C-alpha atoms as a PDB file:
ATOM      1  CA  MET A   1      -5.191  -9.817 132.131  1.00  0.00           C
ATOM      2  CA  SER A   2      -5.924 -11.030 128.620  1.00  0.00           C
ATOM      3  CA  VAL A   3      -5.519 -15.187 128.121  1.00  0.00           C
ATOM      4  CA  LEU A   4      -3.818 -14.680 125.380  1.00  0.00           C
ATOM      5  CA  THR A   5      -0.995 -12.363 127.014  1.00  0.00           C
ATOM      6  CA  ARG A   6      -0.989 -14.504 130.436  1.00  0.00           C
ATOM      7  CA  PRO A   7       1.463 -17.327 129.290  1.00  0.00           C
ATOM      8  CA  ALA A   8       4.162 -14.924 128.522  1.00  0.00           C
ATOM      9  CA  VAL A   9       3.790 -13.346 132.028  1.00  0.00           C
ATOM     10  CA  LEU A  10       4.124 -16.608 133.667  1.00  0.00           C
ATOM     11  CA  LEU A  11       7.286 -17.945 131.752  1.00  0.00           C
ATOM     12  CA  ALA A  12       8.749 -14.837 130.653  1.00  0.00           C
ATOM     13  CA  THR A  13      11.670 -16.638 128.695  1.00  0.00           C
ATOM     14  CA  ALA A  14       9.558 -19.235 127.284  1.00  0.00           C
ATOM     15  CA  THR A  15       7.164 -19.267 124.442  1.00  0.00           C
ATOM     16  CA  VAL A  16       4.051 -20.918 125.279  1.00  0.00           C
ATOM     17  CA  ALA A  17       0.711 -21.692 124.199  1.00  0.00           C
ATOM     18  CA  ALA A  18      -2.212 -24.196 123.388  1.00  0.00           C
ATOM     19  CA  GLY A  19      -3.789 -26.923 121.670  1.00  0.00           C
ATOM     20  CA  LEU A  20      -7.547 -27.858 121.250  1.00  0.00           C
ATOM     21  CA  LEU A  21      -8.710 -29.079 124.722  1.00  0.00           C
ATOM     22  CA  VAL A  22     -12.684 -28.165 124.058  1.00  0.00           C
ATOM     23  CA  ALA A  23     -13.758 -28.533 120.455  1.00  0.00           C
ATOM     24  CA  PRO A  24     -16.311 -26.111 119.319  1.00  0.00           C
ATOM     25  CA  GLY A  25     -20.027 -27.978 119.987  1.00  0.00           C
ATOM     26  CA  ALA A  26     -21.074 -30.587 118.125  1.00  0.00           C
ATOM     27  CA  ALA A  27     -23.847 -30.625 115.657  1.00  0.00           C
ATOM     28  CA  PHE A  28     -27.375 -31.440 116.181  1.00  0.00           C
ATOM     29  CA  ALA A  29     -30.186 -32.321 114.316  1.00  0.00           C
ATOM     30  CA  ALA A  30     -31.975 -29.711 116.128  1.00  0.00           C
ATOM     31  CA  ASP A  31     -29.347 -26.685 116.125  1.00  0.00           C
ATOM     32  CA  THR A  32     -30.523 -23.617 116.079  1.00  0.00           C
ATOM     33  CA  THR A  33     -28.452 -20.589 114.765  1.00  0.00           C
ATOM     34  CA  THR A  34     -29.005 -17.061 115.880  1.00  0.00           C
ATOM     35  CA  THR A  35     -27.471 -13.676 115.034  1.00  0.00           C
ATOM     36  CA  LEU A  36     -26.652 -11.602 118.000  1.00  0.00           C
ATOM     37  CA  THR A  37     -26.474  -7.906 117.743  1.00  0.00           C
ATOM     38  CA  SER A  38     -23.845  -6.287 120.653  1.00  0.00           C
ATOM     39  CA  ALA A  39     -26.424  -5.351 123.045  1.00  0.00           C
ATOM     40  CA  GLN A  40     -28.129  -9.202 122.657  1.00  0.00           C
ATOM     41  CA  MET A  41     -24.198 -10.742 123.153  1.00  0.00           C
ATOM     42  CA  ALA A  42     -23.930  -8.126 126.074  1.00  0.00           C
ATOM     43  CA  ALA A  43     -27.143  -9.617 127.539  1.00  0.00           C
ATOM     44  CA  GLU A  44     -25.939 -13.147 126.790  1.00  0.00           C
ATOM     45  CA  LEU A  45     -22.766 -12.770 128.407  1.00  0.00           C
ATOM     46  CA  SER A  46     -24.171 -10.951 131.299  1.00  0.00           C
ATOM     47  CA  ALA A  47     -26.652 -14.176 132.106  1.00  0.00           C
ATOM     48  CA  VAL A  48     -23.559 -16.705 131.773  1.00  0.00           C
ATOM     49  CA  ALA A  49     -21.415 -14.751 133.834  1.00  0.00           C
ATOM     50  CA  ALA A  50     -24.074 -14.609 136.921  1.00  0.00           C
ATOM     51  CA  ALA A  51     -24.741 -18.211 136.198  1.00  0.00           C
ATOM     52  CA  SER A  52     -21.082 -18.803 136.481  1.00  0.00           C
ATOM     53  CA  ALA A  53     -20.321 -16.713 139.670  1.00  0.00           C
ATOM     54  CA  ALA A  54     -23.287 -18.335 141.355  1.00  0.00           C
ATOM     55  CA  ALA A  55     -21.712 -21.936 140.607  1.00  0.00           C
ATOM     56  CA  GLY A  56     -18.365 -20.702 141.579  1.00  0.00           C
ATOM     57  CA  VAL A  57     -19.168 -19.083 144.626  1.00  0.00           C
ATOM     58  CA  GLN A  58     -17.057 -21.814 146.506  1.00  0.00           C
ATOM     59  CA  GLY A  59     -14.563 -22.081 143.769  1.00  0.00           C
ATOM     60  CA  TRP A  60     -13.669 -23.064 140.479  1.00  0.00           C
ATOM     61  CA  LYS A  61     -11.040 -24.550 138.135  1.00  0.00           C
ATOM     62  CA  THR A  62      -9.819 -23.973 134.603  1.00  0.00           C
ATOM     63  CA  ALA A  63      -7.606 -26.434 132.832  1.00  0.00           C
ATOM     64  CA  SER A  64      -6.338 -24.892 129.766  1.00  0.00           C
ATOM     65  CA  ASP A  65      -3.966 -25.732 126.665  1.00  0.00           C
ATOM     66  CA  TYR A  66      -2.211 -22.896 125.107  1.00  0.00           C
ATOM     67  CA  ARG A  67      -0.102 -23.342 121.474  1.00  0.00           C
ATOM     68  CA  PHE A  68       2.335 -20.120 120.092  1.00  0.00           C
ATOM     69  CA  THR A  69       3.857 -20.105 116.593  1.00  0.00           C
ATOM     70  CA  PHE A  70       6.314 -17.721 115.577  1.00  0.00           C
ATOM     71  CA  PRO A  71       6.613 -15.459 112.538  1.00  0.00           C
ATOM     72  CA  GLY A  72       8.623 -16.368 109.983  1.00  0.00           C
ATOM     73  CA  SER A  73       9.499 -19.806 111.633  1.00  0.00           C
ATOM     74  CA  PRO A  74       7.669 -23.487 111.654  1.00  0.00           C
ATOM     75  CA  ALA A  75       8.227 -23.883 115.002  1.00  0.00           C
ATOM     76  CA  VAL A  76       5.203 -24.503 117.450  1.00  0.00           C
ATOM     77  CA  VAL A  77       5.269 -24.352 121.118  1.00  0.00           C
ATOM     78  CA  ASP A  78       2.629 -25.850 123.250  1.00  0.00           C
ATOM     79  CA  GLY A  79       2.072 -25.392 126.821  1.00  0.00           C
ATOM     80  CA  VAL A  80      -0.624 -26.479 129.594  1.00  0.00           C
ATOM     81  CA  GLY A  81      -1.759 -24.601 132.436  1.00  0.00           C
ATOM     82  CA  SER A  82      -4.124 -25.098 135.301  1.00  0.00           C
ATOM     83  CA  THR A  83      -5.588 -22.636 137.675  1.00  0.00           C
ATOM     84  CA  THR A  84      -7.595 -23.450 140.984  1.00  0.00           C
ATOM     85  CA  ALA A  85      -9.606 -20.862 143.295  1.00  0.00           C
ATOM     86  CA  ASP A  86     -10.335 -22.424 146.602  1.00  0.00           C
ATOM     87  CA  LEU A  87     -12.681 -19.270 147.558  1.00  0.00           C
ATOM     88  CA  ALA A  88     -14.047 -20.834 150.649  1.00  0.00           C
ATOM     89  CA  HIS A  89     -10.360 -20.715 152.244  1.00  0.00           C
ATOM     90  CA  GLY A  90      -9.400 -17.476 149.945  1.00  0.00           C
ATOM     91  CA  ARG A  91      -6.469 -19.652 148.260  1.00  0.00           C
ATOM     92  CA  TYR A  92      -5.063 -19.768 144.400  1.00  0.00           C
ATOM     93  CA  ASP A  93      -3.107 -21.608 142.494  1.00  0.00           C
ATOM     94  CA  ASP A  94      -1.626 -21.074 139.119  1.00  0.00           C
ATOM     95  CA  ARG A  95       0.640 -23.622 137.234  1.00  0.00           C
ATOM     96  CA  PHE A  96       1.740 -23.370 133.682  1.00  0.00           C
ATOM     97  CA  SER A  97       4.555 -25.583 132.122  1.00  0.00           C
ATOM     98  CA  THR A  98       5.923 -26.051 128.397  1.00  0.00           C
ATOM     99  CA  ALA A  99       7.969 -29.200 127.236  1.00  0.00           C
ATOM    100  CA  GLY A 100      11.489 -28.077 127.609  1.00  0.00           C
ATOM    101  CA  SER A 101      11.159 -24.948 129.245  1.00  0.00           C
ATOM    102  CA  GLY A 102      10.095 -26.248 132.804  1.00  0.00           C
ATOM    103  CA  SER A 103       7.043 -24.732 134.637  1.00  0.00           C
ATOM    104  CA  ALA A 104       6.031 -21.880 136.703  1.00  0.00           C
ATOM    105  CA  ASP A 105       3.671 -22.112 139.819  1.00  0.00           C
ATOM    106  CA  SER A 106       2.062 -19.552 141.606  1.00  0.00           C
ATOM    107  CA  PHE A 107       0.205 -18.866 144.798  1.00  0.00           C
ATOM    108  CA  ALA A 108      -1.844 -16.244 146.211  1.00  0.00           C
ATOM    109  CA  VAL A 109      -3.620 -15.925 149.718  1.00  0.00           C
ATOM    110  CA  ASP A 110      -6.177 -13.496 150.728  1.00  0.00           C
ATOM    111  CA  GLY A 111      -5.104 -11.323 153.091  1.00  0.00           C
ATOM    112  CA  GLU A 112      -1.445 -13.042 153.128  1.00  0.00           C
ATOM    113  CA  GLY A 113       0.873 -12.684 150.095  1.00  0.00           C
ATOM    114  CA  LEU A 114       1.992 -14.069 147.276  1.00  0.00           C
ATOM    115  CA  TRP A 115       4.283 -17.123 146.210  1.00  0.00           C
ATOM    116  CA  GLU A 116       6.003 -16.770 143.083  1.00  0.00           C
ATOM    117  CA  PRO A 117       8.791 -19.059 141.344  1.00  0.00           C
ATOM    118  CA  VAL A 118      12.347 -18.440 142.061  1.00  0.00           C
ATOM    119  CA  PRO A 119      13.810 -16.679 139.032  1.00  0.00           C
ATOM    120  CA  ASP A 120      16.487 -18.578 137.326  1.00  0.00           C
ATOM    121  CA  GLY A 121      20.381 -17.129 137.278  1.00  0.00           C
ATOM    122  CA  ALA A 122      21.615 -15.083 140.161  1.00  0.00           C
ATOM    123  CA  GLU A 123      18.712 -16.239 142.176  1.00  0.00           C
ATOM    124  CA  ALA A 124      19.121 -19.934 141.811  1.00  0.00           C
ATOM    125  CA  GLN A 125      22.627 -19.589 142.213  1.00  0.00           C
ATOM    126  CA  ALA A 126      22.378 -17.884 145.617  1.00  0.00           C
ATOM    127  CA  LEU A 127      19.977 -20.102 146.855  1.00  0.00           C
ATOM    128  CA  ARG A 128      22.496 -23.147 145.851  1.00  0.00           C
ATOM    129  CA  MET A 129      25.384 -20.932 147.351  1.00  0.00           C
ATOM    130  CA  MET A 130      22.945 -20.748 150.862  1.00  0.00           C
ATOM    131  CA  GLY A 131      22.488 -24.547 151.117  1.00  0.00           C
ATOM    132  CA  ARG A 132      19.099 -24.344 150.194  1.00  0.00           C
ATOM    133  CA  PRO A 133      18.324 -25.477 146.652  1.00  0.00           C
ATOM    134  CA  ALA A 134      15.186 -26.935 147.399  1.00  0.00           C
ATOM    135  CA  VAL A 135      13.548 -23.149 147.657  1.00  0.00           C
ATOM    136  CA  LYS A 136      11.523 -23.034 144.748  1.00  0.00           C
ATOM    137  CA  TYR A 137       9.253 -20.007 145.647  1.00  0.00           C
ATOM    138  CA  VAL A 138       9.887 -16.362 146.951  1.00  0.00           C
ATOM    139  CA  PHE A 139       6.937 -15.545 149.222  1.00  0.00           C
ATOM    140  CA  THR A 140       5.992 -11.909 149.576  1.00  0.00           C
ATOM    141  CA  ALA A 141       3.877 -11.043 152.807  1.00  0.00           C
ATOM    142  CA  ASP A 142       1.160  -8.776 151.987  1.00  0.00           C
ATOM    143  CA  GLU A 143      -1.529  -8.143 154.330  1.00  0.00           C
ATOM    144  CA  ALA A 144      -3.790  -6.126 152.056  1.00  0.00           C
ATOM    145  CA  LEU A 145      -3.953  -8.858 149.252  1.00  0.00           C
ATOM    146  CA  ASP A 146      -7.448  -8.750 148.203  1.00  0.00           C
ATOM    147  CA  LEU A 147      -7.915 -12.150 146.485  1.00  0.00           C
ATOM    148  CA  ASP A 148     -11.024 -11.131 144.772  1.00  0.00           C
ATOM    149  CA  ALA A 149      -9.267  -8.182 142.944  1.00  0.00           C
ATOM    150  CA  TYR A 150      -5.995 -10.178 142.374  1.00  0.00           C
ATOM    151  CA  LEU A 151      -8.143 -12.655 140.693  1.00  0.00           C
ATOM    152  CA  ASP A 152      -9.834 -10.061 138.752  1.00  0.00           C
ATOM    153  CA  GLU A 153      -6.506  -8.815 137.477  1.00  0.00           C
ATOM    154  CA  ASN A 154      -4.552 -12.163 136.924  1.00  0.00           C
ATOM    155  CA  ALA A 155      -6.656 -15.166 136.988  1.00  0.00           C
ATOM    156  CA  PRO A 156      -8.765 -16.982 133.554  1.00  0.00           C
ATOM    157  CA  SER A 157     -11.659 -17.471 135.793  1.00  0.00           C
ATOM    158  CA  PRO A 158     -15.039 -18.252 133.951  1.00  0.00           C
ATOM    159  CA  VAL A 159     -16.703 -14.884 134.538  1.00  0.00           C
ATOM    160  CA  ALA A 160     -13.253 -12.945 133.057  1.00  0.00           C
ATOM    161  CA  MET A 161     -13.826 -15.324 129.867  1.00  0.00           C
ATOM    162  CA  THR A 162     -17.509 -13.183 129.307  1.00  0.00           C
ATOM    163  CA  SER A 163     -15.333  -9.860 129.648  1.00  0.00           C
ATOM    164  CA  GLY A 164     -13.621  -7.880 127.221  1.00  0.00           C
ATOM    165  CA  ILE A 165     -15.974  -8.311 124.369  1.00  0.00           C
ATOM    166  CA  ASP A 166     -18.169  -5.293 123.141  1.00  0.00           C
ATOM    167  CA  GLY A 167     -19.528  -6.847 119.556  1.00  0.00           C
ATOM    168  CA  GLY A 168     -22.121  -8.900 118.265  1.00  0.00           C
ATOM    169  CA  GLY A 169     -21.968 -12.527 116.981  1.00  0.00           C
ATOM    170  CA  SER A 170     -23.904 -15.828 116.682  1.00  0.00           C
ATOM    171  CA  LYS A 171     -25.201 -18.015 119.233  1.00  0.00           C
ATOM    172  CA  VAL A 172     -25.674 -21.950 118.308  1.00  0.00           C
ATOM    173  CA  THR A 173     -28.406 -23.445 120.679  1.00  0.00           C
ATOM    174  CA  HIS A 174     -28.110 -27.412 120.873  1.00  0.00           C
ATOM    175  CA  GLU A 175     -30.661 -29.801 121.326  1.00  0.00           C
ATOM    176  CA  ASP A 176     -29.551 -30.815 124.825  1.00  0.00           C
ATOM    177  CA  GLY A 177     -29.811 -27.166 126.068  1.00  0.00           C
ATOM    178  CA  SER A 178     -26.103 -26.563 125.638  1.00  0.00           C
ATOM    179  CA  ALA A 179     -24.898 -23.241 123.682  1.00  0.00           C
ATOM    180  CA  ASP A 180     -21.993 -21.954 121.363  1.00  0.00           C
ATOM    181  CA  LEU A 181     -21.362 -18.291 121.778  1.00  0.00           C
ATOM    182  CA  THR A 182     -19.242 -16.793 118.816  1.00  0.00           C
ATOM    183  CA  THR A 183     -17.690 -13.087 119.325  1.00  0.00           C
ATOM    184  CA  ALA A 184     -14.610 -11.293 118.955  1.00  0.00           C
ATOM    185  CA  ASP A 185     -12.734  -9.742 121.920  1.00  0.00           C
ATOM    186  CA  THR A 186     -11.279  -6.229 122.117  1.00  0.00           C
ATOM    187  CA  GLN A 187      -7.877  -7.449 120.826  1.00  0.00           C
ATOM    188  CA  GLY A 188      -9.089  -9.090 117.859  1.00  0.00           C
ATOM    189  CA  ALA A 189      -9.248 -12.822 119.100  1.00  0.00           C
ATOM    190  CA  ASP A 190     -11.834 -14.906 117.908  1.00  0.00           C
ATOM    191  CA  VAL A 191     -13.893 -16.513 120.769  1.00  0.00           C
ATOM    192  CA  VAL A 192     -16.025 -19.249 121.075  1.00  0.00           C
ATOM    193  CA  LEU A 193     -17.704 -19.680 124.321  1.00  0.00           C
ATOM    194  CA  HIS A 194     -19.292 -23.197 125.286  1.00  0.00           C
ATOM    195  CA  VAL A 195     -21.998 -22.732 127.528  1.00  0.00           C
ATOM    196  CA  GLY A 196     -23.531 -25.748 129.548  1.00  0.00           C
ATOM    197  CA  ALA A 197     -27.628 -26.250 129.852  1.00  0.00           C
ATOM    198  CA  THR A 198     -27.592 -24.882 133.166  1.00  0.00           C
ATOM    199  CA  GLY A 199     -26.141 -21.488 131.750  1.00  0.00           C
ATOM    200  CA  VAL A 200     -22.362 -21.965 133.254  1.00  0.00           C
ATOM    201  CA  LEU A 201     -19.534 -21.582 131.042  1.00  0.00           C
ATOM    202  CA  THR A 202     -17.936 -24.559 130.653  1.00  0.00           C
ATOM    203  CA  GLY A 203     -15.463 -24.110 128.129  1.00  0.00           C
ATOM    204  CA  ALA A 204     -13.786 -21.597 125.498  1.00  0.00           C
ATOM    205  CA  HIS A 205     -11.889 -21.400 122.504  1.00  0.00           C
ATOM    206  CA  LEU A 206      -9.841 -18.278 121.476  1.00  0.00           C
ATOM    207  CA  ALA A 207      -7.556 -17.722 118.627  1.00  0.00           C
ATOM    208  CA  MET A 208      -5.215 -14.641 117.388  1.00  0.00           C
ATOM    209  CA  ALA A 209      -4.127 -14.830 114.094  1.00  0.00           C
ATOM    210  CA  GLY A 210      -0.520 -14.202 113.444  1.00  0.00           C
ATOM    211  CA  ASN A 211       0.993 -11.271 111.370  1.00  0.00           C
ATOM    212  CA  ALA A 212       4.468 -10.420 110.451  1.00  0.00           C
ATOM    213  CA  ASP A 213       5.316  -9.338 113.841  1.00  0.00           C
ATOM    214  CA  GLN A 214       3.791 -11.549 116.241  1.00  0.00           C
ATOM    215  CA  GLY A 215       2.926 -15.198 115.750  1.00  0.00           C
ATOM    216  CA  ALA A 216      -0.712 -16.953 116.201  1.00  0.00           C
ATOM    217  CA  VAL A 217      -2.243 -18.098 119.623  1.00  0.00           C
ATOM    218  CA  THR A 218      -4.829 -20.630 120.429  1.00  0.00           C
ATOM    219  CA  VAL A 219      -6.134 -21.168 124.212  1.00  0.00           C
ATOM    220  CA  ASP A 220      -8.663 -23.726 124.825  1.00  0.00           C
ATOM    221  CA  MET A 221      -9.967 -24.090 128.139  1.00  0.00           C
ATOM    222  CA  ILE A 222     -12.259 -26.179 130.417  1.00  0.00           C
ATOM    223  CA  PHE A 223     -14.032 -24.761 133.467  1.00  0.00           C
ATOM    224  CA  SER A 224     -15.424 -26.834 136.342  1.00  0.00           C
ATOM    225  CA  TYR A 225     -16.912 -25.449 139.729  1.00  0.00           C
ATOM    226  CA  GLY A 226     -17.418 -26.208 143.426  1.00  0.00           C
ATOM    227  CA  ALA A 227     -15.347 -26.456 146.489  1.00  0.00           C
ATOM    228  CA  GLN A 228     -11.358 -26.816 145.764  1.00  0.00           C
ATOM    229  CA  THR A 229      -8.241 -27.251 147.397  1.00  0.00           C
ATOM    230  CA  VAL A 230      -4.985 -25.660 147.153  1.00  0.00           C
ATOM    231  CA  THR A 231      -1.814 -27.104 148.696  1.00  0.00           C
ATOM    232  CA  LEU A 232       0.292 -24.176 149.554  1.00  0.00           C
ATOM    233  CA  PRO A 233       4.162 -24.599 149.360  1.00  0.00           C
ATOM    234  CA  THR A 234       6.221 -25.818 152.491  1.00  0.00           C
ATOM    235  CA  ALA A 235       8.377 -23.376 154.721  1.00  0.00           C
ATOM    236  CA  ALA A 236      11.732 -25.479 152.933  1.00  0.00           C
ATOM    237  CA  ALA A 237      10.465 -24.772 149.707  1.00  0.00           C
ATOM    238  CA  THR A 238      10.401 -20.928 150.487  1.00  0.00           C
ATOM    239  CA  VAL A 239      12.207 -17.752 150.857  1.00  0.00           C
ATOM    240  CA  ASP A 240      11.371 -14.324 151.958  1.00  0.00           C
ATOM    241  CA  PRO A 241      12.256 -11.735 149.350  1.00  0.00           C
ATOM    242  CA  ALA A 242      15.196 -10.106 151.970  1.00  0.00           C
ATOM    243  CA  THR A 243      17.022 -13.181 152.469  1.00  0.00           C
ATOM    244  CA  LEU A 244      17.192 -13.940 148.633  1.00  0.00           C
ATOM    245  CA  ALA A 245      18.278 -10.500 147.794  1.00  0.00           C
ATOM    246  CA  LYS A 246      20.830 -10.890 150.698  1.00  0.00           C
ATOM    247  CA  GLY A 247      22.193 -14.018 149.174  1.00  0.00           C
ATOM    248  CA  VAL A 248      22.079 -12.693 145.575  1.00  0.00           C
ATOM    249  CA  ALA A 249      24.270  -9.424 147.064  1.00  0.00           C
ATOM    250  CA  TYR A 250      27.056 -12.027 148.841  1.00  0.00           C
ATOM    251  CA  LEU A 251      27.549 -13.638 145.500  1.00  0.00           C
ATOM    252  CA  THR A 252      29.344 -10.600 144.350  1.00  0.00           C
ATOM    253  CA  MET A 253      31.250 -10.023 148.009  1.00  0.00           C
ATOM    254  CA  PRO A 254      34.679  -9.899 146.786  1.00  0.00           C
ATOM    255  CA  ALA A 255      33.885  -7.306 144.263  1.00  0.00           C
ATOM    256  CA  THR A 256      31.892  -5.419 146.827  1.00  0.00           C
ATOM    257  CA  VAL A 257      34.703  -5.305 148.903  1.00  0.00           C
ATOM    258  CA  ARG A 258      37.334  -4.245 146.188  1.00  0.00           C
ATOM    259  CA  THR A 259      34.986  -1.302 144.952  1.00  0.00           C
ATOM    260  CA  ILE A 260      34.721   0.232 148.572  1.00  0.00           C
ATOM    261  CA  ALA A 261      38.172   0.104 149.277  1.00  0.00           C
ATOM    262  CA  GLY A 262      38.873   1.635 146.116  1.00  0.00           C
ATOM    263  CA  ALA A 263      35.986   4.103 146.939  1.00  0.00           C
ATOM    264  CA  ALA A 264      37.689   5.060 149.867  1.00  0.00           C
ATOM    265  CA  ALA A 265      41.267   5.691 148.295  1.00  0.00           C
ATOM    266  CA  THR A 266      39.983   7.631 145.742  1.00  0.00           C
ATOM    267  CA  ASP A 267      37.733  10.060 148.141  1.00  0.00           C
ATOM    268  CA  THR A 268      40.784  10.155 150.143  1.00  0.00           C
ATOM    269  CA  ARG A 269      43.200  11.408 147.733  1.00  0.00           C
ATOM    270  CA  LYS A 270      40.392  14.060 146.581  1.00  0.00           C
ATOM    271  CA  ALA A 271      40.100  14.989 149.997  1.00  0.00           C
ATOM    272  CA  ALA A 272      43.759  15.507 150.383  1.00  0.00           C
ATOM    273  CA  ARG A 273      44.073  17.940 147.768  1.00  0.00           C
ATOM    274  CA  ASN A 274      47.516  17.251 146.400  1.00  0.00           C
ATOM    275  CA  LYS A 275      48.727  17.166 150.118  1.00  0.00           C
ATOM    276  CA  LYS A 276      49.676  14.810 152.879  1.00  0.00           C
ATOM    277  CA  VAL A 277      47.146  12.243 152.892  1.00  0.00           C
ATOM    278  CA  GLU A 278      45.304  12.275 156.708  1.00  0.00           C
ATOM    279  CA  VAL A 279      45.074   8.564 157.988  1.00  0.00           C
ATOM    280  CA  ALA A 280      42.228  10.224 160.423  1.00  0.00           C
ATOM    281  CA  THR A 281      40.443  11.236 156.991  1.00  0.00           C
ATOM    282  CA  LEU A 282      41.204   7.949 155.100  1.00  0.00           C
ATOM    283  CA  ARG A 283      39.305   6.225 158.108  1.00  0.00           C
ATOM    284  CA  ALA A 284      36.405   8.284 158.302  1.00  0.00           C
ATOM    285  CA  ILE A 285      35.908   8.001 154.607  1.00  0.00           C
ATOM    286  CA  ALA A 286      36.262   4.208 154.293  1.00  0.00           C
ATOM    287  CA  ARG A 287      33.542   4.128 157.362  1.00  0.00           C
ATOM    288  CA  THR A 288      31.231   6.130 155.079  1.00  0.00           C
ATOM    289  CA  ALA A 289      31.748   4.094 152.182  1.00  0.00           C
ATOM    290  CA  ALA A 290      31.436   0.862 153.984  1.00  0.00           C
ATOM    291  CA  THR A 291      27.434   1.884 154.800  1.00  0.00           C
ATOM    292  CA  ARG A 292      26.657   2.116 151.179  1.00  0.00           C
ATOM    293  CA  SER A 293      27.278  -1.993 151.160  1.00  0.00           C
ATOM    294  CA  SER A 294      23.903  -3.347 152.325  1.00  0.00           C
ATOM    295  CA  PRO A 295      22.916  -6.220 152.507  1.00  0.00           C
ATOM    296  CA  VAL A 296      26.643  -7.072 152.645  1.00  0.00           C
ATOM    297  CA  LYS A 297      28.192  -6.173 155.867  1.00  0.00           C
ATOM    298  CA  VAL A 298      31.624  -4.528 155.444  1.00  0.00           C
ATOM    299  CA  THR A 299      33.870  -4.119 158.445  1.00  0.00           C
ATOM    300  CA  VAL A 300      36.166  -1.592 158.664  1.00  0.00           C
ATOM    301  CA  THR A 301      38.793  -1.634 161.310  1.00  0.00           C
ATOM    302  CA  ASN A 302      42.023   0.273 161.669  1.00  0.00           C
ATOM    303  CA  VAL A 303      45.630  -0.628 161.147  1.00  0.00           C
ATOM    304  CA  THR A 304      48.868   1.312 160.770  1.00  0.00           C
ATOM    305  CA  GLY A 305      48.729   4.007 158.428  1.00  0.00           C
ATOM    306  CA  GLY A 306      45.056   3.275 157.349  1.00  0.00           C
ATOM    307  CA  VAL A 307      42.241   0.634 157.752  1.00  0.00           C
ATOM    308  CA  LYS A 308      41.623  -2.982 156.698  1.00  0.00           C
ATOM    309  CA  VAL A 309      37.928  -3.376 154.621  1.00  0.00           C
ATOM    310  CA  SER A 310      36.906  -6.772 155.183  1.00  0.00           C
ATOM    311  CA  ALA A 311      33.623  -8.999 154.708  1.00  0.00           C
ATOM    312  CA  THR A 312      32.673 -12.852 155.298  1.00  0.00           C
ATOM    313  CA  ASN A 313      30.303 -14.709 153.593  1.00  0.00           C
ATOM    314  CA  PRO A 314      27.443 -15.840 156.515  1.00  0.00           C
ATOM    315  CA  TRP A 315      26.865 -19.059 154.383  1.00  0.00           C
ATOM    316  CA  THR A 316      30.201 -19.936 152.915  1.00  0.00           C
ATOM    317  CA  HIS A 317      32.204 -18.544 155.812  1.00  0.00           C
ATOM    318  CA  ARG A 318      34.889 -17.405 153.110  1.00  0.00           C
ATOM    319  CA  SER A 319      36.501 -13.949 153.592  1.00  0.00           C
ATOM    320  CA  VAL A 320      37.985 -11.149 151.683  1.00  0.00           C
ATOM    321  CA  ALA A 321      40.181  -8.099 152.830  1.00  0.00           C
ATOM    322  CA  TYR A 322      41.900  -5.009 151.268  1.00  0.00           C
ATOM    323  CA  THR A 323      43.848  -2.607 153.505  1.00  0.00           C
ATOM    324  CA  VAL A 324      43.867   1.135 152.435  1.00  0.00           C
ATOM    325  CA  THR A 325      47.009   3.003 153.808  1.00  0.00           C
ATOM    326  CA  ALA A 326      48.193   6.316 153.541  1.00  0.00           C
ATOM    327  CA  SER A 327      51.548   7.362 152.203  1.00  0.00           C
ATOM    328  CA  GLY A 328      52.380  10.804 151.984  1.00  0.00           C
ATOM    329  CA  ARG A 329      50.392  12.136 149.491  1.00  0.00           C
ATOM    330  CA  LYS A 330      49.634   8.617 147.937  1.00  0.00           C
ATOM    331  CA  VAL A 331      46.848   5.968 149.034  1.00  0.00           C
ATOM    332  CA  VAL A 332      47.597   2.414 148.434  1.00  0.00           C
ATOM    333  CA  VAL A 333      44.974  -0.401 148.000  1.00  0.00           C
ATOM    334  CA  LYS A 334      46.207  -3.918 148.786  1.00  0.00           C
ATOM    335  CA  LYS A 335      44.567  -7.307 148.843  1.00  0.00           C
ATOM    336  CA  GLY A 336      44.852  -9.146 152.208  1.00  0.00           C
END
């Protein structure tokens, strides 16, 4: 995933981006500038990737600043991000926030699964209804999760910053042995990679110019290497997808029961073909309709001349019911 599109994935409804955290290398008296061909740039990037991978074998951390502008608008939105890879323990933490738009934190563990933010809206409302407002993450178990593959696809790692570039550029070598590689990536972003004297990537600056259809974005990053610590969300702050989906379904429990009762009445009328409605047919059709209500548990009980269709919210203990009865050629639906 491109680091320029990543913020939109983290905060789908927020516009995000970055200011300057790492400035282009300061000018030294002994700076040397070299023009690089595509092949030479590829060789430089390969060396930086190898050195960075070796330095980050136990783990790495990326601190990022983002800045977005909007086409036809003077508005600017800033965001900050932090990604931490504890490779020694197979853990990853991705944190992102913007002023006024909240934050989005996610976690991944090799062979275990993903923790992702609870979406706003119905999911958050369901958790309040369930008496679990402290839950902030949805944990999706995935024993097949390969953290290395996940990081390749989702993380702004030092090694990832050296990919997606197939052109030439320039190299400014400083007196202290550090260097700046300037080029452009395959998406058209201007890229400056800051390389330390030991050959590892220490920082990056990416900038995509805006146009009539999309705003401009800049990203500035600092990289550090070595053992890291990732603290996972507690059980109290976590819910599984099935439980959350059940809670969301119970938000509309009254409508679900009403719909099932109505469907049973409609299907029974059709089955009668303008003849006398058979109670046994009505009951069978109602029970079939109720099986389609998952995950809301709808109960169908016999009453005189028909059935009662009902459900009870397991968290609020509130109930709703409708009776569906046969009356000659008619089917009558009443609440209660």
